[in-house]
C-alpha atoms as a PDB file:
ATOM      1  CA  MET A   1       0.000   0.000   0.000  1.00  0.00           C
ATOM      2  CA  TYR A   2       2.775   2.450   0.899  1.00  0.00           C
ATOM      3  CA  SER A   3       5.465   0.960  -1.310  1.00  0.00           C
ATOM      4  CA  LEU A   4       6.358   1.289  -4.950  1.00  0.00           C
ATOM      5  CA  PRO A   5       3.679   0.431  -7.505  1.00  0.00           C
ATOM      6  CA  PRO A   6       3.338  -3.322  -8.062  1.00  0.00           C
ATOM      7  CA  VAL A   7       5.100  -4.838 -11.057  1.00  0.00           C
ATOM      8  CA  ASN A   8       1.878  -6.560 -12.067  1.00  0.00           C
ATOM      9  CA  ARG A   9      -0.482  -3.567 -12.224  1.00  0.00           C
ATOM     10  CA  SER A  10      -3.566  -5.782 -12.438  1.00  0.00           C
ATOM     11  CA  VAL A  11      -3.284  -6.809  -8.750  1.00  0.00           C
ATOM     12  CA  LYS A  12      -3.429  -3.974  -6.214  1.00  0.00           C
ATOM     13  CA  GLU A  13      -3.057  -4.408  -2.487  1.00  0.00           C
ATOM     14  CA  GLY A  14      -6.358  -4.069  -0.652  1.00  0.00           C
ATOM     15  CA  VAL A  15      -8.629  -4.338  -3.681  1.00  0.00           C
ATOM     16  CA  THR A  16      -9.845  -7.862  -2.980  1.00  0.00           C
ATOM     17  CA  GLU A  17     -10.225 -10.028   0.106  1.00  0.00           C
ATOM     18  CA  ASN A  18      -7.541 -12.370  -1.224  1.00  0.00           C
ATOM     19  CA  ASN A  19      -5.105  -9.495  -1.639  1.00  0.00           C
ATOM     20  CA  SER A  20      -5.692  -7.584   1.606  1.00  0.00           C
ATOM     21  CA  ILE A  21      -3.499  -4.840   3.015  1.00  0.00           C
ATOM     22  CA  LYS A  22      -0.891  -6.311   5.349  1.00  0.00           C
ATOM     23  CA  LEU A  23      -0.126  -4.141   8.362  1.00  0.00           C
ATOM     24  CA  ASP A  24       2.604  -6.269   9.976  1.00  0.00           C
ATOM     25  CA  VAL A  25       0.890  -5.892  13.342  1.00  0.00           C
ATOM     26  CA  LYS A  26       0.178  -8.517  15.986  1.00  0.00           C
ATOM     27  CA  ALA A  27      -3.521  -9.284  16.217  1.00  0.00           C
ATOM     28  CA  ARG A  28      -3.547  -8.744  19.996  1.00  0.00           C
ATOM     29  CA  ASP A  29      -1.996  -5.276  19.623  1.00  0.00           C
ATOM     30  CA  PHE A  30      -4.626  -4.311  17.063  1.00  0.00           C
ATOM     31  CA  GLU A  31      -7.399  -5.675  19.310  1.00  0.00           C
ATOM     32  CA  ASN A  32      -6.081  -3.500  22.153  1.00  0.00           C
ATOM     33  CA  LEU A  33      -6.095  -0.434  19.921  1.00  0.00           C
ATOM     34  CA  LEU A  34      -9.655  -1.147  18.781  1.00  0.00           C
ATOM     35  CA  TYR A  35     -10.676  -1.729  22.394  1.00  0.00           C
ATOM     36  CA  LEU A  36      -9.346   1.720  23.265  1.00  0.00           C
ATOM     37  CA  PHE A  37     -11.270   3.320  20.402  1.00  0.00           C
ATOM     38  CA  TYR A  38     -14.588   1.528  20.860  1.00  0.00           C
ATOM     39  CA  ASP A  39     -15.004  -0.218  24.203  1.00  0.00           C
ATOM     40  CA  ALA A  40     -12.641   1.203  26.802  1.00  0.00           C
ATOM     41  CA  PRO A  41     -14.252   2.906  29.776  1.00  0.00           C
ATOM     42  CA  TYR A  42     -11.070   4.968  29.949  1.00  0.00           C
ATOM     43  CA  GLU A  43     -10.989   7.847  32.368  1.00  0.00           C
ATOM     44  CA  TRP A  44      -8.123  10.045  33.534  1.00  0.00           C
ATOM     45  CA  LEU A  45      -7.851   8.165  36.812  1.00  0.00           C
ATOM     46  CA  PRO A  46      -4.873   8.486  39.176  1.00  0.00           C
ATOM     47  CA  THR A  47      -4.043   4.753  39.050  1.00  0.00           C
ATOM     48  CA  VAL A  48      -3.934   1.989  36.472  1.00  0.00           C
ATOM     49  CA  VAL A  49      -4.786  -1.686  36.977  1.00  0.00           C
ATOM     50  CA  ASP A  50      -1.699  -3.920  36.691  1.00  0.00           C
ATOM     51  CA  SER A  51      -3.442  -6.222  34.233  1.00  0.00           C
ATOM     52  CA  ALA A  52      -3.971  -3.266  31.865  1.00  0.00           C
ATOM     53  CA  ILE A  53      -0.251  -2.425  31.560  1.00  0.00           C
ATOM     54  CA  PRO A  54       0.404  -4.816  28.625  1.00  0.00           C
ATOM     55  CA  MET A  55      -2.618  -3.366  26.816  1.00  0.00           C
ATOM     56  CA  TRP A  56      -1.329   0.188  27.220  1.00  0.00           C
ATOM     57  CA  GLU A  57       2.143  -0.857  26.070  1.00  0.00           C
ATOM     58  CA  SER A  58       0.726  -2.402  22.890  1.00  0.00           C
ATOM     59  CA  VAL A  59      -1.394   0.719  22.297  1.00  0.00           C
ATOM     60  CA  LEU A  60       1.755   2.814  22.724  1.00  0.00           C
ATOM     61  CA  HIS A  61       3.582   0.585  20.241  1.00  0.00           C
ATOM     62  CA  LEU A  62       0.923   0.988  17.548  1.00  0.00           C
ATOM     63  CA  ALA A  63       0.426   4.681  18.258  1.00  0.00           C
ATOM     64  CA  ASP A  64       4.141   5.172  17.697  1.00  0.00           C
ATOM     65  CA  MET A  65       4.187   2.915  14.620  1.00  0.00           C
ATOM     66  CA  PHE A  66       1.284   4.705  12.942  1.00  0.00           C
ATOM     67  CA  ASP A  67       2.150   8.198  14.204  1.00  0.00           C
ATOM     68  CA  MET A  68      -1.074   8.609  16.221  1.00  0.00           C
ATOM     69  CA  HIS A  69       0.029  11.442  18.479  1.00  0.00           C
ATOM     70  CA  GLU A  70      -3.178  11.763  20.524  1.00  0.00           C
ATOM     71  CA  VAL A  71      -3.374   8.017  21.153  1.00  0.00           C
ATOM     72  CA  LYS A  72       0.287   8.051  22.215  1.00  0.00           C
ATOM     73  CA  VAL A  73      -0.490  10.846  24.705  1.00  0.00           C
ATOM     74  CA  VAL A  74      -3.306   8.773  26.238  1.00  0.00           C
ATOM     75  CA  ALA A  75      -1.114   5.650  26.469  1.00  0.00           C
ATOM     76  CA  LEU A  76       1.742   7.636  28.011  1.00  0.00           C
ATOM     77  CA  HIS A  77      -0.654   9.142  30.530  1.00  0.00           C
ATOM     78  CA  ALA A  78      -1.811   5.667  31.575  1.00  0.00           C
ATOM     79  CA  LEU A  79       1.706   4.214  31.681  1.00  0.00           C
ATOM     80  CA  GLY A  80       3.129   7.298  33.382  1.00  0.00           C
ATOM     81  CA  ARG A  81       0.940   7.047  36.447  1.00  0.00           C
ATOM     82  CA  PRO A  82       2.896   6.594  39.677  1.00  0.00           C
ATOM     83  CA  GLY A  83       3.712   2.935  40.269  1.00  0.00           C
ATOM     84  CA  ALA A  84       2.403   1.736  36.909  1.00  0.00           C
ATOM     85  CA  LEU A  85       5.844   0.720  35.627  1.00  0.00           C
ATOM     86  CA  ALA A  86       9.129  -0.281  37.201  1.00  0.00           C
ATOM     87  CA  ASP A  87      11.640   2.552  36.862  1.00  0.00           C
ATOM     88  CA  VAL A  88      13.994   0.670  34.534  1.00  0.00           C
ATOM     89  CA  HIS A  89      11.105  -0.434  32.311  1.00  0.00           C
ATOM     90  CA  LYS A  90       9.908   3.170  32.107  1.00  0.00           C
ATOM     91  CA  ILE A  91      13.407   4.234  31.016  1.00  0.00           C
ATOM     92  CA  ALA A  92      13.445   1.433  28.415  1.00  0.00           C
ATOM     93  CA  LEU A  93      10.126   2.669  26.969  1.00  0.00           C
ATOM     94  CA  TYR A  94      11.475   6.234  26.951  1.00  0.00           C
ATOM     95  CA  ASN A  95      14.383   5.003  24.815  1.00  0.00           C
ATOM     96  CA  GLU A  96      12.356   2.754  22.535  1.00  0.00           C
ATOM     97  CA  TYR A  97       9.697   5.309  21.625  1.00  0.00           C
ATOM     98  CA  GLY A  98      11.617   8.590  21.753  1.00  0.00           C
ATOM     99  CA  ILE A  99       9.490   9.977  24.564  1.00  0.00           C
ATOM    100  CA  ALA A 100      10.321  13.334  26.160  1.00  0.00           C
ATOM    101  CA  ARG A 101      12.686  12.807  29.069  1.00  0.00           C
ATOM    102  CA  SER A 102      10.353  14.668  31.419  1.00  0.00           C
ATOM    103  CA  TRP A 103       8.037  11.620  31.222  1.00  0.00           C
ATOM    104  CA  ALA A 104      10.739   9.380  32.734  1.00  0.00           C
ATOM    105  CA  ASN A 105      12.700  11.949  34.756  1.00  0.00           C
ATOM    106  CA  SER A 106      11.566  10.662  38.149  1.00  0.00           C
ATOM    107  CA  ALA A 107      12.513   7.121  37.080  1.00  0.00           C
ATOM    108  CA  PHE A 108      16.021   8.306  36.111  1.00  0.00           C
ATOM    109  CA  THR A 109      16.379  10.034  39.478  1.00  0.00           C
ATOM    110  CA  ARG A 110      15.181   7.016  41.496  1.00  0.00           C
ATOM    111  CA  VAL A 111      17.468   4.603  39.623  1.00  0.00           C
ATOM    112  CA  CYS A 112      20.449   6.935  40.076  1.00  0.00           C
ATOM    113  CA  THR A 113      19.822   7.358  43.813  1.00  0.00           C
ATOM    114  CA  ARG A 114      18.719   3.890  44.880  1.00  0.00           C
ATOM    115  CA  THR A 115      21.067   1.788  46.987  1.00  0.00           C
ATOM    116  CA  ASP A 116      21.064  -1.260  44.694  1.00  0.00           C
ATOM    117  CA  ALA A 117      22.978  -1.352  41.422  1.00  0.00           C
ATOM    118  CA  LEU A 118      21.261  -2.381  38.189  1.00  0.00           C
ATOM    119  CA  THR A 119      20.555  -6.102  38.034  1.00  0.00           C
ATOM    120  CA  GLY A 120      21.497  -8.262  35.069  1.00  0.00           C
ATOM    121  CA  ASP A 121      17.871  -8.371  33.918  1.00  0.00           C
ATOM    122  CA  GLU A 122      17.594  -4.584  34.130  1.00  0.00           C
ATOM    123  CA  ILE A 123      20.797  -4.110  32.130  1.00  0.00           C
ATOM    124  CA  ALA A 124      19.461  -6.521  29.500  1.00  0.00           C
ATOM    125  CA  GLU A 125      16.235  -4.495  29.228  1.00  0.00           C
ATOM    126  CA  LEU A 126      18.087  -1.227  28.644  1.00  0.00           C
ATOM    127  CA  LYS A 127      20.167  -0.208  25.669  1.00  0.00           C
ATOM    128  CA  PRO A 128      23.879  -0.638  26.517  1.00  0.00           C
ATOM    129  CA  ALA A 129      24.526   3.103  26.203  1.00  0.00           C
ATOM    130  CA  THR A 130      21.688   3.891  28.620  1.00  0.00           C
ATOM    131  CA  ALA A 131      22.903   1.331  31.157  1.00  0.00           C
ATOM    132  CA  ALA A 132      26.400   2.837  30.940  1.00  0.00           C
ATOM    133  CA  VAL A 133      25.107   6.385  31.466  1.00  0.00           C
ATOM    134  CA  LEU A 134      22.983   5.279  34.434  1.00  0.00           C
ATOM    135  CA  ARG A 135      26.066   3.642  35.941  1.00  0.00           C
ATOM    136  CA  ARG A 136      28.124   6.788  35.355  1.00  0.00           C
ATOM    137  CA  ALA A 137      25.485   9.018  36.978  1.00  0.00           C
ATOM    138  CA  ARG A 138      25.209   6.687  39.979  1.00  0.00           C
ATOM    139  CA  GLU A 139      28.984   6.688  40.374  1.00  0.00           C
ATOM    140  CA  ALA A 140      29.110  10.486  40.231  1.00  0.00           C
ATOM    141  CA  LEU A 141      26.551  10.708  43.015  1.00  0.00           C
ATOM    142  CA  LEU A 142      28.243   8.020  45.129  1.00  0.00           C
ATOM    143  CA  ARG A 143      31.678   9.557  44.598  1.00  0.00           C
ATOM    144  CA  GLY A 144      30.359  12.926  45.760  1.00  0.00           C
ATOM    145  CA  MET A 145      29.026  11.349  48.948  1.00  0.00           C
ATOM    146  CA  LYS A 146      32.374   9.655  49.671  1.00  0.00           C
ATOM    147  CA  LEU A 147      34.190  12.963  49.246  1.00  0.00           C
ATOM    148  CA  GLY A 148      32.436  14.465  52.232  1.00  0.00           C
ATOM    149  CA  THR A 149      28.957  15.406  51.093  1.00  0.00           C
ATOM    150  CA  LYS A 150      26.599  13.965  53.686  1.00  0.00           C
ATOM    151  CA  ALA A 151      23.585  13.883  51.436  1.00  0.00           C
ATOM    152  CA  HIS A 152      22.690  15.201  48.051  1.00  0.00           C
ATOM    153  CA  THR A 153      20.122  17.911  47.661  1.00  0.00           C
ATOM    154  CA  ALA A 154      17.378  17.469  45.103  1.00  0.00           C
ATOM    155  CA  GLU A 155      19.080  20.148  43.014  1.00  0.00           C
ATOM    156  CA  ARG A 156      22.432  18.290  43.010  1.00  0.00           C
ATOM    157  CA  ILE A 157      20.757  15.003  42.055  1.00  0.00           C
ATOM    158  CA  GLN A 158      18.893  16.728  39.216  1.00  0.00           C
ATOM    159  CA  GLU A 159      22.124  18.393  38.076  1.00  0.00           C
ATOM    160  CA  VAL A 160      23.915  15.019  37.833  1.00  0.00           C
ATOM    161  CA  VAL A 161      20.960  13.390  36.064  1.00  0.00           C
ATOM    162  CA  ASN A 162      20.711  16.283  33.578  1.00  0.00           C
ATOM    163  CA  LYS A 163      24.456  16.339  32.954  1.00  0.00           C
ATOM    164  CA  ASN A 164      24.585  12.618  32.218  1.00  0.00           C
ATOM    165  CA  PHE A 165      21.442  12.382  30.138  1.00  0.00           C
ATOM    166  CA  MET A 166      21.707  15.703  28.269  1.00  0.00           C
ATOM    167  CA  VAL A 167      18.305  15.275  26.684  1.00  0.00           C
ATOM    168  CA  SER A 168      15.768  18.056  26.687  1.00  0.00           C
ATOM    169  CA  GLY A 169      12.112  17.518  27.318  1.00  0.00           C
END
């Protein structure tokens, strides 16, 4: 449909049932998108049900794939609710879909300031460059504490996060 004209001009994509338009989309993802459009009792609630997270992620995937900005905003609102996603998963989605950093800023801050280092599974979920930058930011904060700073202020933490992630948004 969106490619070069077919070599055999007598058969066009989407004209007949036997030659339908192929979207290269998982059926479940498309069902979730249709559910959002037609059946979802969606409201701008402060929480999201855990079982709905995969649905919102598939809606986000298709919204990004088909450049549906408004649908992407709704999916990001649902997935961005406090506690909806693990911090590292939120950062992975930020990377995968080119989301404004402000959407995942609190996740960056929590990962950089938590006591535990990234686990092997978390590193595998992130892009290598992102895992390396998270490690570098954590080290900068830890090094500052060892050099005599008793605790970091919110401003200092934000400064380190901004310096290491240098992404606007």
